[in-house]
Protein backbone atom coordinates (compact mmCIF):
# COMPACT_ATOMS: atom_id res chain seq x y z
CA MET A 1 47.66 14.10 -96.18
CA LYS A 2 46.39 15.21 -92.79
CA PHE A 3 46.31 12.39 -90.26
CA GLU A 4 45.76 13.56 -86.69
CA VAL A 5 43.75 12.84 -83.57
CA THR A 6 42.09 15.30 -81.17
CA ILE A 7 41.35 14.22 -77.62
CA LEU A 8 37.80 15.02 -76.50
CA GLY A 9 37.84 13.03 -73.27
CA SER A 10 40.61 11.55 -71.13
CA SER A 11 38.91 10.39 -67.94
CA SER A 12 37.79 6.95 -66.78
CA ALA A 13 34.57 5.79 -65.16
CA THR A 14 33.59 8.57 -62.74
CA PRO A 15 33.40 12.32 -63.40
CA VAL A 16 36.19 14.69 -62.44
CA TYR A 17 36.42 18.45 -62.90
CA ASN A 18 37.70 19.53 -66.32
CA ARG A 19 38.11 15.97 -67.66
CA ASN A 20 35.54 14.16 -69.77
CA PRO A 21 35.01 10.43 -70.37
CA SER A 22 36.67 8.73 -73.33
CA ALA A 23 36.24 10.17 -76.81
CA GLN A 24 38.61 11.01 -79.65
CA LEU A 25 38.18 12.52 -83.10
CA LEU A 26 40.41 11.23 -85.88
CA ASN A 27 40.94 13.40 -88.96
CA CYS A 28 42.19 11.49 -91.99
CA ASN A 29 42.30 13.56 -95.16
CA GLU A 30 39.54 15.84 -93.79
CA LYS A 31 37.24 12.88 -93.12
CA PHE A 32 36.29 12.61 -89.44
CA TYR A 33 35.94 9.45 -87.37
CA LEU A 34 34.69 9.40 -83.78
CA ILE A 35 36.37 6.87 -81.49
CA ASP A 36 34.22 6.16 -78.42
CA CYS A 37 31.62 8.63 -77.22
CA GLY A 38 31.55 9.21 -73.47
CA GLU A 39 29.06 11.50 -71.80
CA GLY A 40 29.34 15.10 -72.98
CA THR A 41 31.12 14.34 -76.24
CA GLN A 42 28.91 16.61 -78.31
CA GLN A 43 29.66 19.51 -75.98
CA GLN A 44 33.37 18.80 -76.36
CA LEU A 45 32.99 18.90 -80.14
CA ILE A 46 31.44 22.36 -79.84
CA ARG A 47 34.07 23.47 -77.33
CA PHE A 48 36.95 22.58 -79.64
CA GLY A 49 35.39 23.84 -82.85
CA PHE A 50 34.30 20.63 -84.60
CA LYS A 51 31.01 20.13 -86.42
CA ALA A 52 29.24 16.90 -85.55
CA SER A 53 27.70 16.95 -89.03
CA LYS A 54 31.14 16.11 -90.47
CA ILE A 55 31.30 12.81 -88.59
CA ASP A 56 30.16 9.92 -90.75
CA VAL A 57 31.69 6.93 -88.92
CA ILE A 58 31.71 6.09 -85.20
CA PHE A 59 33.63 3.28 -83.48
CA ILE A 60 32.60 2.11 -79.99
CA SER A 61 35.07 -0.10 -78.13
CA HIS A 62 32.80 -1.64 -75.48
CA LEU A 63 29.67 -1.12 -73.42
CA HIS A 64 30.98 0.47 -70.25
CA GLY A 65 29.18 3.77 -69.94
CA ASP A 66 32.22 6.02 -69.97
CA HIS A 67 32.79 4.91 -73.58
CA TYR A 68 29.30 5.30 -75.05
CA PHE A 69 26.83 7.16 -72.79
CA GLY A 70 27.17 10.25 -74.99
CA LEU A 71 26.15 8.44 -78.16
CA ILE A 72 22.35 8.68 -77.89
CA GLY A 73 22.59 12.42 -77.24
CA LEU A 74 24.89 12.96 -80.22
CA LEU A 75 22.67 10.93 -82.55
CA SER A 76 19.57 12.77 -81.31
CA THR A 77 21.17 16.15 -81.93
CA MET A 78 22.12 15.10 -85.45
CA HIS A 79 18.44 14.23 -85.97
CA LEU A 80 17.22 17.55 -84.56
CA ASN A 81 19.69 19.44 -86.74
CA GLY A 82 18.21 17.88 -89.87
CA ARG A 83 20.88 15.39 -90.81
CA ILE A 84 19.93 13.29 -93.83
CA LYS A 85 23.16 11.51 -94.77
CA PRO A 86 23.85 8.10 -93.19
CA ILE A 87 25.85 7.57 -90.03
CA HIS A 88 27.87 4.35 -89.78
CA ILE A 89 28.41 2.85 -86.33
CA TYR A 90 30.72 -0.06 -85.48
CA GLY A 91 30.39 -1.50 -82.00
CA PRO A 92 29.38 -4.44 -79.78
CA PRO A 93 26.30 -6.34 -81.03
CA ALA A 94 24.10 -5.23 -78.09
CA LEU A 95 24.70 -1.54 -78.83
CA MET A 96 22.03 -1.39 -81.51
CA GLU A 97 19.48 -2.90 -79.14
CA ILE A 98 20.32 -0.22 -76.57
CA LEU A 99 19.93 2.58 -79.11
CA GLU A 100 16.65 1.21 -80.45
CA LEU A 101 15.26 1.00 -76.91
CA GLN A 102 16.20 4.60 -76.20
CA PHE A 103 14.68 5.79 -79.47
CA LYS A 104 11.55 3.72 -78.81
CA TYR A 105 10.75 5.20 -75.41
CA SER A 106 11.58 8.75 -76.43
CA GLU A 107 9.35 8.24 -79.49
CA THR A 108 12.18 9.38 -81.74
CA ILE A 109 12.27 8.38 -85.38
CA ILE A 110 15.56 9.64 -86.72
CA LYS A 111 15.52 11.25 -90.15
CA TYR A 112 18.75 9.76 -91.42
CA PRO A 113 19.88 6.14 -92.04
CA LEU A 114 21.70 4.59 -89.09
CA GLU A 115 23.86 1.81 -90.49
CA PHE A 116 25.11 -0.44 -87.70
CA THR A 117 27.83 -3.09 -88.01
CA PRO A 118 28.33 -5.39 -85.00
CA ILE A 119 31.94 -6.21 -84.24
CA SER A 120 33.33 -9.31 -82.57
CA ALA A 121 35.69 -9.21 -79.61
CA ASP A 122 36.99 -12.69 -80.40
CA VAL A 123 39.18 -12.41 -83.49
CA PRO A 124 40.93 -9.31 -84.90
CA LYS A 125 39.70 -8.37 -88.35
CA VAL A 126 39.38 -5.51 -90.81
CA ILE A 127 36.00 -3.85 -90.19
CA PHE A 128 36.16 -0.72 -92.36
CA GLU A 129 37.97 0.46 -95.48
CA ASN A 130 37.81 3.38 -97.84
CA SER A 131 40.26 5.10 -100.17
CA ASP A 132 42.10 6.73 -97.27
CA LEU A 133 42.46 4.15 -94.53
CA SER A 134 41.79 0.68 -93.19
CA VAL A 135 40.42 0.02 -89.69
CA SER A 136 40.99 -3.25 -87.82
CA THR A 137 39.96 -4.42 -84.37
CA ILE A 138 42.33 -5.13 -81.50
CA ILE A 139 41.14 -7.85 -79.14
CA LEU A 140 41.63 -6.57 -75.60
CA ASN A 141 41.28 -8.25 -72.21
CA HIS A 142 38.74 -6.32 -70.15
CA ARG A 143 35.94 -7.27 -67.77
CA ILE A 144 33.46 -7.33 -70.66
CA PRO A 145 34.08 -7.89 -74.40
CA CYS A 146 36.23 -5.01 -75.59
CA THR A 147 38.11 -4.05 -78.73
CA GLY A 148 40.62 -1.41 -79.61
CA PHE A 149 41.16 -0.20 -83.17
CA THR A 150 44.08 0.35 -85.53
CA PHE A 151 43.76 3.02 -88.20
CA THR A 152 46.22 2.52 -91.06
CA GLU A 153 46.63 4.85 -94.02
CA LYS A 154 46.28 3.39 -97.48
CA LYS A 155 49.45 3.42 -99.54
CA ARG A 156 49.37 6.47 -101.79
CA LEU A 157 50.32 6.55 -105.48
CA ARG A 158 53.90 7.29 -106.45
CA LYS A 159 54.97 10.94 -106.68
CA VAL A 160 56.03 12.30 -110.06
CA VAL A 161 59.22 14.36 -110.33
CA ILE A 162 57.53 17.35 -111.93
CA GLU A 163 60.70 19.32 -112.63
CA LYS A 164 62.17 16.45 -114.67
CA LEU A 165 58.94 15.83 -116.60
CA GLU A 166 58.53 19.52 -117.40
CA ALA A 167 62.16 19.77 -118.51
CA GLU A 168 61.56 16.96 -121.01
CA ASN A 169 58.15 18.32 -122.13
CA VAL A 170 56.20 15.24 -121.09
CA PRO A 171 52.46 15.95 -121.58
CA LEU A 172 50.35 16.21 -118.41
CA GLU A 173 48.03 13.41 -119.49
CA TYR A 174 50.79 10.88 -118.84
CA TYR A 175 51.32 11.86 -115.21
CA PRO A 176 48.50 9.66 -113.78
CA LEU A 177 49.94 6.57 -115.48
CA LEU A 178 53.38 7.28 -114.10
CA LYS A 179 51.89 7.69 -110.60
CA ARG A 180 50.44 4.20 -110.97
CA GLY A 181 53.88 2.77 -111.73
CA VAL A 182 53.46 2.31 -115.49
CA ASP A 183 56.39 2.50 -117.94
CA LEU A 184 55.42 4.50 -121.04
CA THR A 185 56.29 4.81 -124.71
CA LEU A 186 55.33 8.24 -126.03
CA PRO A 187 54.05 8.89 -129.59
CA ASP A 188 57.43 10.43 -130.49
CA GLY A 189 59.11 7.14 -129.62
CA ARG A 190 60.60 8.12 -126.27
CA THR A 191 60.44 5.51 -123.51
CA LEU A 192 59.78 6.72 -119.95
CA LEU A 193 60.79 4.28 -117.23
CA ASN A 194 58.62 4.89 -114.22
CA LEU A 195 61.48 4.67 -111.73
CA ASP A 196 63.29 7.48 -113.55
CA TYR A 197 60.42 9.95 -113.23
CA THR A 198 58.74 9.09 -109.92
CA VAL A 199 59.61 8.48 -106.29
CA ASP A 200 57.83 6.25 -103.82
CA SER A 201 55.09 7.80 -101.69
CA ASP A 202 55.46 8.12 -97.94
CA ARG A 203 55.16 5.01 -95.78
CA PRO A 204 51.55 4.62 -94.57
CA ARG A 205 51.11 5.77 -90.97
CA LYS A 206 49.37 3.73 -88.28
CA TYR A 207 47.43 4.81 -85.18
CA ALA A 208 46.40 2.31 -82.51
CA TYR A 209 43.68 2.97 -79.92
CA CYS A 210 43.83 0.64 -76.92
CA SER A 211 40.84 1.51 -74.78
CA ASP A 212 40.42 -0.62 -71.59
CA THR A 213 42.56 -3.69 -71.04
CA LEU A 214 44.60 -5.82 -68.72
CA CYS A 215 48.19 -5.47 -69.90
CA ASP A 216 48.78 -9.15 -70.63
CA GLY A 217 50.61 -8.91 -73.97
CA SER A 218 47.94 -10.83 -75.87
CA TYR A 219 47.27 -7.90 -78.22
CA PHE A 220 50.86 -6.75 -78.78
CA GLU A 221 51.15 -8.26 -82.24
CA GLU A 222 48.07 -6.33 -83.40
CA ILE A 223 49.59 -2.96 -82.44
CA LYS A 224 53.14 -3.63 -83.60
CA ASP A 225 55.12 -0.76 -85.18
CA CYS A 226 52.60 2.04 -84.68
CA ASP A 227 53.56 5.60 -85.45
CA THR A 228 51.33 6.68 -82.56
CA LEU A 229 49.97 4.40 -79.86
CA TYR A 230 47.18 5.51 -77.54
CA HIS A 231 47.04 3.28 -74.50
CA GLU A 232 44.92 3.54 -71.40
CA ALA A 233 46.91 4.26 -68.23
CA THR A 234 44.26 4.32 -65.54
CA PHE A 235 46.57 3.96 -62.52
CA LEU A 236 50.08 4.56 -61.28
CA HIS A 237 52.07 1.34 -60.95
CA GLU A 238 51.81 1.44 -57.15
CA LEU A 239 48.19 0.38 -57.73
CA LEU A 240 49.09 -2.57 -59.96
CA GLU A 241 46.94 -4.93 -57.91
CA ARG A 242 43.93 -2.65 -58.39
CA ALA A 243 44.69 -2.41 -62.11
CA ASN A 244 44.75 -6.21 -62.39
CA GLN A 245 41.50 -6.55 -60.44
CA THR A 246 39.69 -4.12 -62.74
CA HIS A 247 41.43 -5.27 -65.94
CA HIS A 248 43.18 -1.97 -66.49
CA THR A 249 46.75 -0.81 -67.14
CA THR A 250 49.25 1.34 -65.25
CA ALA A 251 51.24 4.17 -66.77
CA LEU A 252 54.44 2.16 -66.43
CA GLN A 253 52.87 -0.81 -68.22
CA ALA A 254 51.65 1.42 -71.04
CA ALA A 255 55.21 2.69 -71.53
CA GLU A 256 56.58 -0.85 -71.50
CA THR A 257 53.99 -1.76 -74.12
CA ALA A 258 55.20 1.06 -76.37
CA ILE A 259 58.75 -0.28 -76.18
CA LYS A 260 57.80 -3.91 -76.74
CA THR A 261 55.63 -3.11 -79.76
CA GLY A 262 57.98 -0.63 -81.44
CA ALA A 263 55.76 2.45 -81.16
CA GLN A 264 57.23 5.79 -82.19
CA LYS A 265 55.03 7.88 -79.88
CA LEU A 266 52.83 7.04 -76.88
CA LEU A 267 49.70 8.85 -75.73
CA ILE A 268 48.31 7.86 -72.33
CA GLY A 269 44.78 8.49 -71.12
CA HIS A 270 41.69 7.07 -69.36
CA PHE A 271 42.92 8.46 -66.06
CA SER A 272 41.32 7.49 -62.76
CA SER A 273 39.41 10.29 -61.02
CA ARG A 274 41.63 9.76 -57.97
CA TYR A 275 44.35 11.75 -59.77
CA LYS A 276 43.69 15.48 -59.56
CA THR A 277 47.00 16.18 -61.32
CA LEU A 278 48.28 13.96 -64.13
CA GLN A 279 51.96 14.83 -63.93
CA PRO A 280 52.86 11.76 -61.81
CA LEU A 281 51.41 9.44 -64.47
CA LEU A 282 53.37 11.20 -67.19
CA GLU A 283 56.58 11.08 -65.15
CA GLU A 284 56.15 7.35 -64.51
CA ALA A 285 55.70 6.61 -68.21
CA VAL A 286 58.48 8.92 -69.43
CA GLN A 287 61.03 7.16 -67.22
CA VAL A 288 60.43 4.05 -69.36
CA PHE A 289 59.44 5.51 -72.76
CA GLU A 290 60.63 9.07 -73.28
CA ASN A 291 58.31 10.03 -76.15
CA THR A 292 55.15 9.89 -74.04
CA GLN A 293 52.49 12.60 -73.87
CA LEU A 294 49.27 13.05 -71.93
CA ALA A 295 46.13 12.61 -74.04
CA THR A 296 44.30 15.52 -72.45
CA GLU A 297 41.21 17.38 -73.61
CA GLY A 298 41.70 19.64 -76.61
CA SER A 299 45.15 18.30 -77.51
CA THR A 300 45.70 17.42 -81.17
CA PHE A 301 48.45 15.02 -82.16
CA SER A 302 49.79 14.40 -85.63
CA ILE A 303 50.05 10.66 -86.29
């Protein structure tokens, strides 16, 4: 099953040439989930060949503009393009009030249902589930209420050993039961033990998105054992005092977080506009956690 994330924006609060504010597109089994929606996100979707019409769920981490100022434009474009299917948005409680105010004064009545679920930044909880994945909040420590998100695949059914079943002429109609772990007795009297004809499915993969946070360790348990961890790395460690003042993280701290939480791969992003080249941030992180990559615009990473 495809499980990958494409970076649409990697920059922090202020604009910088060729970097956009925070936004990511998660593809899980060809279902698309937008994570944050900084200014210009819909243009980034066009630039990298994604159709906004395929997005049905949006997660907003907090109400600093670089994480949601692109949302009203995206929703308005969906309206103008004739969308009729619902859009589901999960975000801070005040977000719906902001959207309603913008729609009110632009005299826009959107043609599709906008289903909004407020999320709490107090206690981590599961906020979304379907047949493919489960999404939970991560409680982060930022200047305003802020959550990250973990995206965890659902455990798939067992895999049948087709060659063995075909060799023993087991009818196809019994395959679904075997996938569900059922032992069978066939009409001809043969007994099929599930463990003899199936193997376990792959371990569910986990992606964690840590948007803006002071690196205080309070959220480490929530992101433990991720296959891929995205963590903000706004500053180099030489600006640790500035990072603490603004409740942000350094590249070195992000790498230390990956080690402490058992991540397999680290993506760093949310870079300060003071950095015209990102190589120093990558080098700082790699010295601590080797499997680190820059979450830059247009990059797609398999979870």
